[in-house]
Amino acid sequence: MAAEDVVRSREVSAMIKQGFIPSQALSFSPSRATASASSLARGAFYSPSSSPSKTLSSPSPPHFSSSETAQQVLTRPTLFDMMSQEQHRLESSNALKSRLSKILSNAPFVNNIVANSVDCDGDLRFGSGDVRLTVVSRDGFRVSMDVHRRVLSEKSRYFAEKLRRDGGISHSVDIEISECDDLEAYVETVVLMYSEDLKKRLIGEGVDKVLGLLKVSSAIMFDIGISACLEYLEAVPWSNDEEERVISHLRQLQLHDSAAEVLQRVSAEPSTSSGADDILLRLLSGVLQAKDDKARREMKSIISRLLREEASDCIRGLDVSRDSLYHLCHRCLSSLILCLSEAAGPDENRRDRGTLMAEIAREADNMHWIVEILIDKSMGDEFVKLWADQKELAILHSKIPTVYRHEISRITAQLCVAMGKGLILVPKDTRLSLLSTWLEALYEDFGWMRRASRSMDKKLLEDGLGQTILTLPLPQQQAIFLNWFDRYLNKGDDCPDIQKAFEIWWRRAFIRQHGPELNNSHLQIAVCGYPN
């Protein structure tokens, strides 16, 4: 066992010494190791400050700083980590060099003799013009291009001014652009200055690449390049992510009138946006009158989702007014009354049963959808009173078979859920009126709703109904809960289960005496003895 421990100890020691395992006993000086890595990087990027003779520094003597914790020591980068990072930098550098060589290989200012050469300073050099233009990236990568004074002066107002101020009448001028964010875009923009048909050159390019070219063109005041990039962006489709980047770039560049045409696809004049209510009213009406059920369901889902997104973003977009929504509610109510009147009428005047059932269900579903939009927009208070006042509709509802009518009770259930959650706030008289008109119908239809309506959440309905009843004055709660008690004992699962709300009412009425002025002598419970 001792021999095996010795072998394992040697293996671990070897891995620690090779830098693959960090150790408290062996560490490298971060500053010296980083400096060595940077030296290698500069050499790979043809930096003039690099030297072939420089190699990695030797490890510093082992040390353990008193201010360092054991965790900090264990998370120090190992030699393997630093080698991996350096390898990644070298691969990125080589890939960039390859792309630049491809861009510049056919540039008009490059000839076969000097193409892709490295000068005595270590710069990557292209071209044979009379102006040495050197572009340096933030990480030190340098590219030199010998371009022509005439082209720079004619195409770029920035270079024209710089050559006039710095170059004078000299035949050889050196210009250096430092701290370049996008070296590749800068080089390609210079190449584009030599192109006679920029629009053709941009065909097939990606949106992100053209945005990079636009940024450089704007910086050097290359007006033809700016126009070509904007024409491209105006014509091509954008993905959702690209749209956000296009808008962001154009706002940052502050091109103002030049970019207005590009942004027309995402912005409208005030005169156009003012008709948003009419547009949405037309869309909603179209869905309500749709003939294809599948398309109707799909468009309902899309419009509902878009309206919710608009509300969550807290922006004023394609919105619809309260008046327009209630206009649609009254239209649906009129259709429901006509359908139920026909269903309650003589058989000889009645259409096919299946057709009539489908139409009633469709109109009830239309109403349910509009009410859902009203609730989402906090406009449902007026509808509670409107629905509570539908005495004629409630009477017709009671005269026709449940199979025809149960979808209508989903509207009552929807309102109870919203009031139970506090999403609709109406006076107690309105709440009581709603239950007086529609609660019996809800009880009668509950069994059919539970079995036939896949979209109904039974527990949600029961909780909402119970909470709504509990908002009423105590005597009215008593009347409703005692009526429910008898019905539940006879119907069971075909009656809403509001036992939790019943218990709360019981405690309020007979256990918790809130305030000395509360007199519950008028609340009575009849207890019946059942034979064994």
Protein backbone atom coordinates (compact mmCIF):
# COMPACT_ATOMS: atom_id res chain seq x y z
CA MET A 1 0.00 0.00 0.00
CA ALA A 2 2.84 2.36 0.85
CA ALA A 3 4.46 1.65 -2.52
CA GLU A 4 1.20 2.47 -4.37
CA ASP A 5 0.89 5.74 -2.46
CA VAL A 6 4.40 6.69 -3.48
CA VAL A 7 3.63 5.99 -7.16
CA ARG A 8 0.42 8.02 -7.05
CA SER A 9 2.22 10.85 -5.31
CA ARG A 10 4.82 10.94 -8.05
CA GLU A 11 2.16 10.98 -10.77
CA VAL A 12 0.35 13.89 -9.12
CA SER A 13 3.60 15.74 -8.61
CA ALA A 14 4.47 15.31 -12.28
CA MET A 15 1.08 16.71 -13.40
CA ILE A 16 1.45 19.64 -11.02
CA LYS A 17 4.93 20.40 -12.36
CA GLN A 18 3.64 20.26 -15.94
CA GLY A 19 0.98 22.82 -15.10
CA PHE A 20 -2.07 20.61 -15.60
CA ILE A 21 -3.10 20.75 -11.92
CA PRO A 22 -3.01 23.95 -9.82
CA SER A 23 -1.30 23.62 -6.49
CA GLN A 24 -0.88 25.72 -3.40
CA ALA A 25 2.74 24.66 -3.32
CA LEU A 26 3.48 25.54 -6.95
CA SER A 27 2.24 28.65 -8.74
CA PHE A 28 3.33 30.91 -11.56
CA SER A 29 3.58 34.64 -11.49
CA PRO A 30 0.51 35.86 -13.41
CA SER A 31 2.27 38.97 -14.66
CA ARG A 32 5.22 37.06 -16.16
CA ALA A 33 3.08 34.33 -17.66
CA THR A 34 0.69 36.83 -19.18
CA ALA A 35 3.50 38.88 -20.60
CA SER A 36 4.92 35.78 -22.29
CA ALA A 37 1.54 34.92 -23.77
CA SER A 38 1.18 38.46 -25.06
CA SER A 39 4.58 38.25 -26.67
CA LEU A 40 3.54 35.13 -28.56
CA ALA A 41 0.32 36.83 -29.61
CA ARG A 42 2.10 39.87 -31.01
CA GLY A 43 4.39 37.65 -32.99
CA ALA A 44 1.46 35.82 -34.54
CA PHE A 45 -0.22 39.11 -35.42
CA TYR A 46 2.88 40.47 -37.15
CA SER A 47 3.32 43.13 -34.49
CA PRO A 48 6.59 45.07 -34.95
CA SER A 49 7.24 44.95 -31.22
CA SER A 50 7.47 41.15 -31.18
CA SER A 51 10.78 39.36 -31.19
CA PRO A 52 11.42 35.75 -32.34
CA SER A 53 13.90 35.26 -29.55
CA LYS A 54 11.32 35.79 -26.81
CA THR A 55 10.06 32.63 -25.13
CA LEU A 56 7.89 31.76 -22.19
CA SER A 57 9.23 32.90 -18.86
CA SER A 58 10.32 30.35 -16.34
CA PRO A 59 8.00 29.74 -13.43
CA SER A 60 8.46 32.09 -10.53
CA PRO A 61 9.45 30.58 -7.22
CA PRO A 62 6.58 28.95 -5.38
CA HIS A 63 4.75 31.38 -3.18
CA PHE A 64 1.46 31.66 -1.31
CA SER A 65 0.22 35.15 -0.62
CA SER A 66 -1.17 35.68 2.84
CA SER A 67 -4.10 37.60 1.35
CA GLU A 68 -5.12 34.73 -0.91
CA THR A 69 -7.60 32.10 0.15
CA ALA A 70 -7.21 28.44 -0.70
CA GLN A 71 -10.09 28.74 -3.18
CA GLN A 72 -8.38 31.63 -5.00
CA VAL A 73 -5.18 29.60 -5.30
CA LEU A 74 -7.04 26.57 -6.62
CA THR A 75 -8.78 28.70 -9.27
CA ARG A 76 -5.56 30.21 -10.62
CA PRO A 77 -5.10 29.51 -14.35
CA THR A 78 -2.79 26.60 -14.97
CA LEU A 79 -0.19 26.49 -17.69
CA PHE A 80 -2.60 24.31 -19.66
CA ASP A 81 -5.31 27.01 -19.36
CA MET A 82 -2.91 29.69 -20.58
CA MET A 83 -1.77 27.50 -23.47
CA SER A 84 -5.40 26.88 -24.47
CA GLN A 85 -6.19 30.59 -24.40
CA GLU A 86 -3.09 31.36 -26.44
CA GLN A 87 -4.04 28.68 -28.96
CA HIS A 88 -7.49 30.20 -29.32
CA ARG A 89 -5.98 33.64 -29.93
CA LEU A 90 -3.62 32.26 -32.54
CA GLU A 91 -6.46 30.47 -34.35
CA SER A 92 -8.59 33.65 -34.33
CA SER A 93 -5.66 35.64 -35.64
CA ASN A 94 -4.99 33.19 -38.45
CA ALA A 95 -8.66 33.13 -39.40
CA LEU A 96 -8.75 36.95 -39.54
CA LYS A 97 -5.57 37.02 -41.62
CA SER A 98 -7.10 34.53 -44.05
CA ARG A 99 -10.28 36.60 -44.42
CA LEU A 100 -8.32 39.80 -44.96
CA SER A 101 -6.15 38.15 -47.58
CA LYS A 102 -9.26 37.01 -49.41
CA ILE A 103 -10.79 40.53 -49.30
CA LEU A 104 -7.60 42.17 -50.54
CA SER A 105 -6.51 39.56 -53.05
CA ASN A 106 -8.53 41.17 -55.86
CA ALA A 107 -8.38 44.76 -54.65
CA PRO A 108 -7.58 47.21 -57.51
CA PHE A 109 -4.64 48.71 -55.62
CA VAL A 110 -2.94 45.32 -55.08
CA ASN A 111 -0.53 43.83 -57.62
CA ASN A 112 0.89 40.34 -57.67
CA ILE A 113 4.35 41.42 -56.52
CA VAL A 114 3.42 42.98 -53.19
CA ALA A 115 0.17 41.15 -52.45
CA ASN A 116 0.11 39.56 -49.00
CA SER A 117 3.64 40.55 -48.06
CA VAL A 118 5.18 41.47 -44.73
CA ASP A 119 7.37 44.55 -44.62
CA CYS A 120 10.46 45.10 -42.54
CA ASP A 121 8.37 46.44 -39.64
CA GLY A 122 6.34 43.25 -39.47
CA ASP A 123 3.11 44.76 -40.84
CA LEU A 124 0.86 42.79 -43.14
CA ARG A 125 1.12 44.86 -46.33
CA PHE A 126 -0.95 45.08 -49.50
CA GLY A 127 -0.90 47.41 -52.51
CA SER A 128 1.33 49.76 -54.45
CA GLY A 129 -0.32 53.18 -54.10
CA ASP A 130 1.11 56.50 -52.93
CA VAL A 131 -0.54 56.57 -49.48
CA ARG A 132 0.36 54.04 -46.77
CA LEU A 133 -2.89 53.45 -44.86
CA THR A 134 -2.37 51.33 -41.74
CA VAL A 135 -5.33 50.04 -39.75
CA VAL A 136 -4.70 48.72 -36.24
CA SER A 137 -7.23 46.70 -34.27
CA ARG A 138 -7.72 46.99 -30.52
CA ASP A 139 -5.68 43.83 -29.91
CA GLY A 140 -2.73 45.09 -31.96
CA PHE A 141 -3.29 43.39 -35.32
CA ARG A 142 -1.99 45.70 -38.08
CA VAL A 143 -2.75 45.80 -41.79
CA SER A 144 -1.05 48.24 -44.15
CA MET A 145 -2.48 49.10 -47.55
CA ASP A 146 -0.71 51.23 -50.16
CA VAL A 147 -3.70 53.00 -51.65
CA HIS A 148 -4.15 56.01 -53.89
CA ARG A 149 -4.47 59.59 -52.72
CA ARG A 150 -6.89 60.41 -55.53
CA VAL A 151 -9.36 57.70 -54.52
CA LEU A 152 -9.25 58.56 -50.82
CA SER A 153 -9.74 62.27 -51.51
CA GLU A 154 -12.60 61.80 -53.98
CA LYS A 155 -14.56 59.19 -52.01
CA SER A 156 -14.03 60.15 -48.37
CA ARG A 157 -14.45 63.63 -46.93
CA TYR A 158 -12.57 62.50 -43.82
CA PHE A 159 -9.49 61.36 -45.76
CA ALA A 160 -9.67 64.39 -48.07
CA GLU A 161 -9.39 66.71 -45.09
CA LYS A 162 -6.69 64.59 -43.44
CA LEU A 163 -4.57 64.45 -46.61
CA ARG A 164 -5.00 68.18 -47.16
CA ARG A 165 -3.97 68.96 -43.60
CA ASP A 166 -1.21 66.35 -43.05
CA GLY A 167 0.00 65.36 -46.50
CA GLY A 168 0.53 68.67 -48.21
CA ILE A 169 2.18 68.12 -51.57
CA SER A 170 4.28 65.19 -50.35
CA HIS A 171 4.37 62.24 -52.74
CA SER A 172 4.36 59.70 -49.89
CA VAL A 173 1.96 59.90 -46.94
CA ASP A 174 1.46 57.59 -44.00
CA ILE A 175 -1.95 57.47 -42.30
CA GLU A 176 -2.66 55.24 -39.32
CA ILE A 177 -6.11 54.41 -37.93
CA SER A 178 -5.77 53.06 -34.38
CA GLU A 179 -8.12 51.25 -32.00
CA CYS A 180 -10.32 49.97 -34.82
CA ASP A 181 -13.39 48.05 -33.60
CA ASP A 182 -13.95 46.07 -36.79
CA LEU A 183 -10.73 45.69 -38.75
CA GLU A 184 -12.31 43.50 -41.40
CA ALA A 185 -15.12 45.98 -42.12
CA TYR A 186 -12.64 48.87 -42.31
CA VAL A 187 -10.43 47.09 -44.85
CA GLU A 188 -13.42 46.03 -46.96
CA THR A 189 -14.78 49.59 -46.94
CA VAL A 190 -11.47 50.84 -48.34
CA VAL A 191 -11.72 48.23 -51.10
CA LEU A 192 -15.30 49.35 -51.82
CA MET A 193 -14.02 52.87 -52.55
CA TYR A 194 -12.53 51.48 -55.76
CA SER A 195 -15.80 49.87 -56.86
CA GLU A 196 -17.92 51.46 -59.57
CA ASP A 197 -21.10 49.55 -58.61
CA LEU A 198 -21.34 49.28 -54.85
CA LYS A 199 -24.92 48.01 -54.89
CA LYS A 200 -23.87 45.03 -56.97
CA ARG A 201 -20.93 44.34 -54.66
CA LEU A 202 -23.25 44.12 -51.64
CA ILE A 203 -25.64 41.58 -53.17
CA GLY A 204 -25.57 38.38 -51.17
CA GLU A 205 -23.93 39.90 -48.10
CA GLY A 206 -25.45 39.53 -44.64
CA VAL A 207 -27.24 42.30 -42.76
CA ASP A 208 -24.67 42.33 -39.96
CA LYS A 209 -21.79 42.70 -42.38
CA VAL A 210 -23.46 45.61 -44.18
CA LEU A 211 -24.13 47.27 -40.83
CA GLY A 212 -20.40 47.07 -40.14
CA LEU A 213 -19.62 48.61 -43.53
CA LEU A 214 -22.20 51.33 -42.89
CA LYS A 215 -20.61 52.19 -39.55
CA VAL A 216 -17.16 52.57 -41.12
CA SER A 217 -18.54 54.49 -44.13
CA SER A 218 -20.24 56.90 -41.77
CA ALA A 219 -17.06 57.35 -39.71
CA ILE A 220 -14.90 58.23 -42.73
CA MET A 221 -17.73 60.15 -44.46
CA PHE A 222 -17.80 57.83 -47.46
CA ASP A 223 -21.13 59.14 -48.76
CA ILE A 224 -21.52 56.76 -51.69
CA GLY A 225 -20.85 53.84 -49.34
CA ILE A 226 -23.45 55.11 -46.88
CA SER A 227 -26.07 55.38 -49.65
CA ALA A 228 -25.28 51.88 -50.95
CA CYS A 229 -25.54 50.32 -47.48
CA LEU A 230 -28.83 52.08 -46.78
CA GLU A 231 -30.27 50.98 -50.13
CA TYR A 232 -29.29 47.41 -49.30
CA LEU A 233 -30.87 47.55 -45.82
CA GLU A 234 -34.06 49.06 -47.25
CA ALA A 235 -34.45 46.23 -49.77
CA VAL A 236 -33.52 43.03 -47.91
CA PRO A 237 -35.70 41.16 -45.37
CA TRP A 238 -34.65 41.26 -41.70
CA SER A 239 -35.00 38.63 -39.02
CA ASN A 240 -36.33 39.75 -35.63
CA ASP A 241 -32.83 39.99 -34.18
CA GLU A 242 -31.51 41.77 -37.26
CA GLU A 243 -34.35 44.27 -37.06
CA GLU A 244 -33.34 45.25 -33.54
CA ARG A 245 -29.70 45.65 -34.60
CA VAL A 246 -30.60 47.71 -37.69
CA ILE A 247 -32.72 50.11 -35.64
CA SER A 248 -30.05 50.37 -32.95
CA HIS A 249 -27.23 51.04 -35.45
CA LEU A 250 -29.16 53.66 -37.39
CA ARG A 251 -30.07 55.51 -34.22
CA GLN A 252 -26.48 55.44 -32.99
CA LEU A 253 -25.13 56.69 -36.31
CA GLN A 254 -27.65 59.56 -36.35
CA LEU A 255 -28.07 59.52 -40.12
CA HIS A 256 -31.47 61.22 -39.74
CA ASP A 257 -33.07 61.86 -43.14
CA SER A 258 -30.76 59.41 -44.92
CA ALA A 259 -32.06 56.51 -42.80
CA ALA A 260 -35.72 57.54 -42.81
CA GLU A 261 -36.60 55.39 -45.81
CA VAL A 262 -35.01 52.32 -44.21
CA LEU A 263 -37.01 52.79 -41.03
CA GLN A 264 -40.33 53.17 -42.81
CA ARG A 265 -40.98 49.45 -42.44
CA VAL A 266 -40.90 49.76 -38.64
CA SER A 267 -42.41 53.22 -38.13
CA ALA A 268 -45.44 55.07 -39.43
CA GLU A 269 -46.49 58.65 -39.78
CA PRO A 270 -48.88 59.93 -37.08
CA SER A 271 -51.72 60.08 -39.61
CA THR A 272 -51.27 56.35 -40.28
CA SER A 273 -50.96 55.24 -36.67
CA SER A 274 -54.09 57.20 -35.70
CA GLY A 275 -56.17 54.63 -37.58
CA ALA A 276 -54.97 51.80 -35.33
CA ASP A 277 -58.39 51.50 -33.68
CA ASP A 278 -60.11 51.07 -37.05
CA ILE A 279 -57.53 48.51 -38.13
CA LEU A 280 -57.91 46.37 -35.02
CA LEU A 281 -61.69 46.67 -35.13
CA ARG A 282 -61.57 45.35 -38.67
CA LEU A 283 -59.35 42.44 -37.61
CA LEU A 284 -61.56 41.51 -34.67
CA SER A 285 -64.71 41.72 -36.80
CA GLY A 286 -63.07 39.53 -39.41
CA VAL A 287 -62.32 36.84 -36.85
CA LEU A 288 -65.87 36.96 -35.45
CA GLN A 289 -67.32 36.46 -38.94
CA ALA A 290 -64.76 33.94 -40.22
CA LYS A 291 -66.16 30.95 -42.09
CA ASP A 292 -63.22 28.57 -41.65
CA ASP A 293 -63.08 27.36 -38.02
CA LYS A 294 -59.42 26.36 -38.11
CA ALA A 295 -58.29 29.72 -39.48
CA ARG A 296 -60.57 31.48 -36.99
CA ARG A 297 -58.99 29.68 -34.02
CA GLU A 298 -55.48 30.40 -35.27
CA MET A 299 -56.09 34.10 -35.83
CA LYS A 300 -57.83 34.43 -32.45
CA SER A 301 -54.74 32.99 -30.81
CA ILE A 302 -52.37 35.26 -32.75
CA ILE A 303 -54.31 38.47 -32.08
CA SER A 304 -54.72 37.65 -28.38
CA ARG A 305 -50.98 36.97 -28.05
CA LEU A 306 -50.03 40.17 -29.86
CA LEU A 307 -52.36 42.25 -27.71
CA ARG A 308 -50.89 40.73 -24.55
CA GLU A 309 -47.35 41.40 -25.76
CA GLU A 310 -48.28 45.00 -26.46
CA ALA A 311 -49.78 45.37 -22.98
CA SER A 312 -46.73 43.77 -21.29
CA ASP A 313 -44.36 46.12 -23.14
CA CYS A 314 -46.33 49.12 -21.83
CA ILE A 315 -46.42 50.75 -25.25
CA ARG A 316 -49.17 52.32 -27.29
CA GLY A 317 -49.37 50.36 -30.48
CA LEU A 318 -52.19 48.71 -32.40
CA ASP A 319 -54.85 49.24 -29.74
CA VAL A 320 -58.64 49.27 -29.72
CA SER A 321 -60.96 51.56 -27.85
CA ARG A 322 -63.52 50.60 -25.21
CA ASP A 323 -66.35 51.74 -27.47
CA SER A 324 -65.21 49.49 -30.30
CA LEU A 325 -64.97 46.44 -28.05
CA TYR A 326 -68.40 47.04 -26.55
CA HIS A 327 -69.81 47.55 -30.03
CA LEU A 328 -68.63 44.00 -30.79
CA CYS A 329 -70.13 42.76 -27.50
CA HIS A 330 -73.56 44.13 -28.40
CA ARG A 331 -73.29 42.55 -31.85
CA CYS A 332 -72.52 39.14 -30.27
CA LEU A 333 -75.38 39.54 -27.77
CA SER A 334 -77.85 40.26 -30.55
CA SER A 335 -76.73 37.14 -32.42
CA LEU A 336 -77.02 35.01 -29.28
CA ILE A 337 -80.55 36.21 -28.59
CA LEU A 338 -81.60 35.41 -32.18
CA CYS A 339 -80.06 31.93 -31.99
CA LEU A 340 -81.64 31.10 -28.62
CA SER A 341 -85.01 32.47 -29.73
CA GLU A 342 -84.89 30.10 -32.69
CA ALA A 343 -83.83 27.18 -30.49
CA ALA A 344 -86.70 27.88 -28.04
CA GLY A 345 -89.27 28.30 -30.83
CA PRO A 346 -91.51 25.74 -32.55
CA ASP A 347 -89.79 22.78 -34.18
CA GLU A 348 -91.15 23.58 -37.64
CA ASN A 349 -89.33 26.93 -37.64
CA ARG A 350 -86.05 25.54 -36.32
CA ARG A 351 -83.00 24.83 -38.42
CA ASP A 352 -81.06 21.60 -38.30
CA ARG A 353 -80.11 20.81 -34.71
CA GLY A 354 -76.40 20.42 -35.43
CA THR A 355 -76.24 23.68 -37.35
CA LEU A 356 -78.03 25.58 -34.61
CA MET A 357 -75.84 24.11 -31.84
CA ALA A 358 -72.72 25.05 -33.78
CA GLU A 359 -73.92 28.63 -34.29
CA ILE A 360 -74.81 29.11 -30.61
CA ALA A 361 -71.43 27.71 -29.55
CA ARG A 362 -69.68 29.93 -32.07
CA GLU A 363 -71.41 33.13 -30.93
CA ALA A 364 -70.79 32.24 -27.26
CA ASP A 365 -67.13 31.63 -28.04
CA ASN A 366 -66.94 34.97 -29.87
CA MET A 367 -68.37 36.70 -26.81
CA HIS A 368 -65.97 34.81 -24.53
CA TRP A 369 -63.02 36.00 -26.63
CA ILE A 370 -64.06 39.66 -26.64
CA VAL A 371 -64.62 39.53 -22.86
CA GLU A 372 -61.15 38.04 -22.46
CA ILE A 373 -59.70 41.04 -24.32
CA LEU A 374 -61.75 43.41 -22.14
CA ILE A 375 -60.41 41.76 -18.98
CA ASP A 376 -56.81 41.86 -20.25
CA LYS A 377 -57.22 45.59 -20.91
CA SER A 378 -58.92 46.25 -17.55
CA MET A 379 -62.14 47.27 -19.31
CA GLY A 380 -64.40 44.46 -18.09
CA ASP A 381 -66.34 46.35 -15.40
CA GLU A 382 -69.02 47.65 -17.77
CA PHE A 383 -69.56 44.20 -19.26
CA VAL A 384 -70.43 42.69 -15.84
CA LYS A 385 -73.40 45.04 -15.61
CA LEU A 386 -74.28 44.45 -19.27
CA TRP A 387 -74.29 40.67 -18.72
CA ALA A 388 -76.20 40.95 -15.45
CA ASP A 389 -78.94 42.89 -17.27
CA GLN A 390 -79.53 40.16 -19.88
CA LYS A 391 -82.78 38.94 -18.30
CA GLU A 392 -84.30 38.06 -21.68
CA LEU A 393 -81.29 36.00 -22.67
CA ALA A 394 -81.32 34.20 -19.30
CA ILE A 395 -85.00 33.29 -19.73
CA LEU A 396 -84.38 31.94 -23.23
CA HIS A 397 -81.39 30.06 -21.85
CA SER A 398 -83.60 28.24 -19.33
CA LYS A 399 -86.03 27.13 -22.07
CA ILE A 400 -83.62 25.24 -24.31
CA PRO A 401 -81.74 21.97 -23.74
CA THR A 402 -78.38 22.10 -21.97
CA VAL A 403 -76.65 20.68 -25.00
CA TYR A 404 -77.43 23.91 -26.87
CA ARG A 405 -76.68 26.41 -24.15
CA HIS A 406 -73.81 25.27 -21.90
CA GLU A 407 -71.20 27.33 -23.81
CA ILE A 408 -73.04 30.51 -22.78
CA SER A 409 -72.42 29.74 -19.10
CA ARG A 410 -68.68 29.87 -19.79
CA ILE A 411 -69.09 33.65 -20.00
CA THR A 412 -70.53 33.78 -16.47
CA ALA A 413 -67.73 31.53 -15.26
CA GLN A 414 -65.17 33.79 -16.93
CA LEU A 415 -66.53 36.85 -15.12
CA CYS A 416 -66.57 35.06 -11.75
CA VAL A 417 -62.94 34.01 -12.17
CA ALA A 418 -61.91 37.58 -13.07
CA MET A 419 -63.83 39.09 -10.13
CA GLY A 420 -62.47 36.42 -7.79
CA LYS A 421 -58.94 37.41 -8.80
CA GLY A 422 -59.65 41.13 -8.45
CA LEU A 423 -59.23 41.74 -12.18
CA ILE A 424 -62.71 43.29 -12.43
CA LEU A 425 -63.92 45.70 -9.75
CA VAL A 426 -67.65 46.41 -9.66
CA PRO A 427 -70.08 47.48 -6.88
CA LYS A 428 -71.69 44.78 -4.74
CA ASP A 429 -75.10 45.46 -6.29
CA THR A 430 -73.69 44.62 -9.71
CA ARG A 431 -72.05 41.46 -8.38
CA LEU A 432 -75.29 40.36 -6.74
CA SER A 433 -77.27 41.16 -9.89
CA LEU A 434 -74.91 39.03 -11.97
CA LEU A 435 -75.31 36.02 -9.67
CA SER A 436 -79.07 36.53 -9.43
CA THR A 437 -79.38 36.42 -13.21
CA TRP A 438 -76.90 33.70 -14.11
CA LEU A 439 -75.90 31.56 -11.11
CA GLU A 440 -78.74 29.04 -11.51
CA ALA A 441 -77.88 28.67 -15.19
CA LEU A 442 -74.23 28.08 -14.24
CA TYR A 443 -75.25 25.38 -11.78
CA GLU A 444 -77.46 23.68 -14.39
CA ASP A 445 -74.80 23.75 -17.10
CA PHE A 446 -71.78 22.88 -14.93
CA GLY A 447 -71.91 19.16 -15.61
CA TRP A 448 -71.97 19.68 -19.37
CA MET A 449 -69.27 22.34 -19.16
CA ARG A 450 -67.02 20.02 -17.18
CA ARG A 451 -67.39 17.17 -19.66
CA ALA A 452 -67.66 19.01 -22.96
CA SER A 453 -65.41 22.06 -22.63
CA ARG A 454 -61.74 21.09 -22.80
CA SER A 455 -60.66 24.67 -22.10
CA MET A 456 -62.52 24.95 -18.79
CA ASP A 457 -60.39 24.84 -15.63
CA LYS A 458 -62.75 23.37 -13.02
CA LYS A 459 -60.71 24.39 -9.98
CA LEU A 460 -60.17 27.91 -11.31
CA LEU A 461 -63.91 28.33 -11.83
CA GLU A 462 -64.77 26.98 -8.38
CA ASP A 463 -62.24 29.24 -6.65
CA GLY A 464 -63.41 32.28 -8.61
CA LEU A 465 -67.07 31.60 -7.91
CA GLY A 466 -66.44 31.07 -4.20
CA GLN A 467 -64.38 34.24 -3.88
CA THR A 468 -67.02 36.25 -5.74
CA ILE A 469 -69.76 35.05 -3.39
CA LEU A 470 -67.60 35.90 -0.37
CA THR A 471 -67.41 39.56 -1.50
CA LEU A 472 -71.16 39.98 -0.90
CA PRO A 473 -72.76 41.05 2.40
CA LEU A 474 -73.11 38.20 4.90
CA PRO A 475 -76.93 37.69 4.58
CA GLN A 476 -76.59 37.36 0.81
CA GLN A 477 -73.71 34.92 1.26
CA GLN A 478 -75.97 32.83 3.50
CA ALA A 479 -78.75 32.63 0.93
CA ILE A 480 -76.38 31.60 -1.86
CA PHE A 481 -74.39 29.07 0.20
CA LEU A 482 -77.48 27.36 1.62
CA ASN A 483 -78.91 27.04 -1.88
CA TRP A 484 -75.60 25.62 -3.07
CA PHE A 485 -75.49 23.22 -0.09
CA ASP A 486 -78.76 21.57 -1.07
CA ARG A 487 -77.83 21.43 -4.73
CA TYR A 488 -74.37 19.96 -4.09
CA LEU A 489 -75.82 17.16 -1.94
CA ASN A 490 -78.10 16.18 -4.83
CA LYS A 491 -75.80 16.79 -7.83
CA GLY A 492 -72.33 15.98 -6.52
CA ASP A 493 -69.68 16.43 -9.23
CA ASP A 494 -72.21 18.07 -11.54
CA CYS A 495 -72.27 21.05 -9.17
CA PRO A 496 -69.33 23.40 -8.53
CA ASP A 497 -67.38 22.42 -5.42
CA ILE A 498 -67.10 25.61 -3.35
CA GLN A 499 -66.62 23.93 0.04
CA LYS A 500 -63.64 26.15 0.96
CA ALA A 501 -65.71 29.29 0.45
CA PHE A 502 -68.58 27.66 2.38
CA GLU A 503 -66.27 27.08 5.36
CA ILE A 504 -65.10 30.71 5.28
CA TRP A 505 -68.71 31.90 5.30
CA TRP A 506 -69.51 29.57 8.25
CA ARG A 507 -66.61 30.91 10.32
CA ARG A 508 -67.56 34.49 9.52
CA ALA A 509 -71.20 33.92 10.46
CA PHE A 510 -70.94 31.71 13.56
CA ILE A 511 -67.39 31.60 14.93
CA ARG A 512 -65.64 34.92 14.35
CA GLN A 513 -67.78 37.66 15.77
CA HIS A 514 -66.14 40.72 14.16
CA GLY A 515 -67.18 43.71 16.25
CA PRO A 516 -69.75 44.04 19.03
CA GLU A 517 -72.25 45.71 16.73
CA LEU A 518 -72.53 42.58 14.52
CA ASN A 519 -75.84 40.83 15.13
CA ASN A 520 -76.26 37.45 13.49
CA SER A 521 -79.51 36.51 15.19
CA HIS A 522 -81.23 36.52 11.80
CA LEU A 523 -78.85 33.84 10.47
CA GLN A 524 -80.39 30.45 11.12
CA ILE A 525 -79.37 26.92 10.24
CA ALA A 526 -81.94 24.14 10.10
CA VAL A 527 -80.47 20.84 11.33
CA CYS A 528 -82.32 17.72 10.24
CA GLY A 529 -81.92 14.32 11.88
CA TYR A 530 -81.51 11.48 9.43
CA PRO A 531 -82.64 7.97 10.52
CA ASN A 532 -79.95 5.36 11.00
